[in-house]
Amino acid sequence: MNEYTECPKCGNDSIKLSTNEAWGVDYSVKTGKCLKKTYLECTAWHYVCKCGWISESFTQ
C-alpha cells in the first residue's frame, strides 16, 4: 500500500492513508450490542495531503 511517501504537489512527507475496509459484525437482536467483529479485507485506499491533494484510488 505504500505507493506514495510524500505529496507530489507540495512535497509534504506527512500524508495520510485513507482506507475503506470491510468488516463482518454480529449484533444481538435483543440488546443491540456488538457480539463479534471480524476484519474481512481492505477494499480500497487513497492518499490525502493537508494541501488538498488526493491521490487516485487503489483497489485490490
Protein backbone atom coordinates (compact mmCIF):
# COMPACT_ATOMS: atom_id res chain seq x y z
CA MET A 1 0.00 0.00 0.00
CA ASN A 2 2.97 2.39 0.02
CA GLU A 3 2.63 3.96 -3.43
CA TYR A 4 3.41 7.48 -2.09
CA THR A 5 5.90 8.60 0.57
CA GLU A 6 5.36 12.33 0.05
CA CYS A 7 2.89 14.68 -1.60
CA PRO A 8 3.78 15.26 -5.28
CA LYS A 9 2.07 18.68 -5.16
CA CYS A 10 3.81 20.29 -2.14
CA GLY A 11 6.48 17.78 -1.02
CA ASN A 12 4.97 17.23 2.44
CA ASP A 13 6.06 13.85 3.84
CA SER A 14 3.22 13.72 6.41
CA ILE A 15 0.49 12.47 4.09
CA LYS A 16 -2.42 10.36 5.35
CA LEU A 17 -3.57 6.97 4.13
CA SER A 18 -7.37 6.77 3.91
CA THR A 19 -8.82 3.25 3.66
CA ASN A 20 -12.19 1.62 3.06
CA GLU A 21 -12.33 -1.64 4.97
CA ALA A 22 -14.88 -4.45 5.05
CA TRP A 23 -15.95 -5.81 8.44
CA GLY A 24 -18.34 -8.57 9.41
CA VAL A 25 -20.30 -7.69 12.55
CA ASP A 26 -22.72 -9.77 14.63
CA TYR A 27 -25.22 -7.90 16.83
CA SER A 28 -27.59 -9.17 19.49
CA VAL A 29 -31.18 -8.60 18.35
CA LYS A 30 -32.30 -8.44 21.97
CA THR A 31 -29.78 -5.90 23.31
CA GLY A 32 -28.39 -4.31 20.14
CA LYS A 33 -24.83 -4.83 21.42
CA CYS A 34 -21.96 -5.87 19.18
CA LEU A 35 -21.14 -9.52 19.87
CA LYS A 36 -18.40 -10.16 17.35
CA LYS A 37 -16.46 -8.02 14.86
CA THR A 38 -14.38 -9.71 12.16
CA TYR A 39 -12.00 -7.92 9.79
CA LEU A 40 -12.60 -9.11 6.23
CA GLU A 41 -10.40 -7.02 3.91
CA CYS A 42 -9.17 -3.62 2.83
CA THR A 43 -11.24 -2.88 -0.26
CA ALA A 44 -9.80 0.47 -1.42
CA TRP A 45 -7.42 3.20 -0.32
CA HIS A 46 -6.07 6.60 -1.33
CA TYR A 47 -3.60 9.16 -0.01
CA VAL A 48 -4.51 12.65 1.26
CA CYS A 49 -2.37 15.72 1.99
CA LYS A 50 -3.32 18.80 4.00
CA CYS A 51 -2.61 20.99 0.93
CA GLY A 52 -5.72 19.45 -0.69
CA TRP A 53 -4.06 16.87 -2.92
CA ILE A 54 -5.81 13.48 -3.09
CA SER A 55 -4.28 10.53 -4.95
CA GLU A 56 -6.18 8.26 -7.30
CA SER A 57 -7.97 5.38 -5.58
CA PHE A 58 -6.32 1.97 -5.37
CA THR A 59 -8.16 -1.34 -5.07
CA GLN A 60 -7.11 -4.92 -4.57
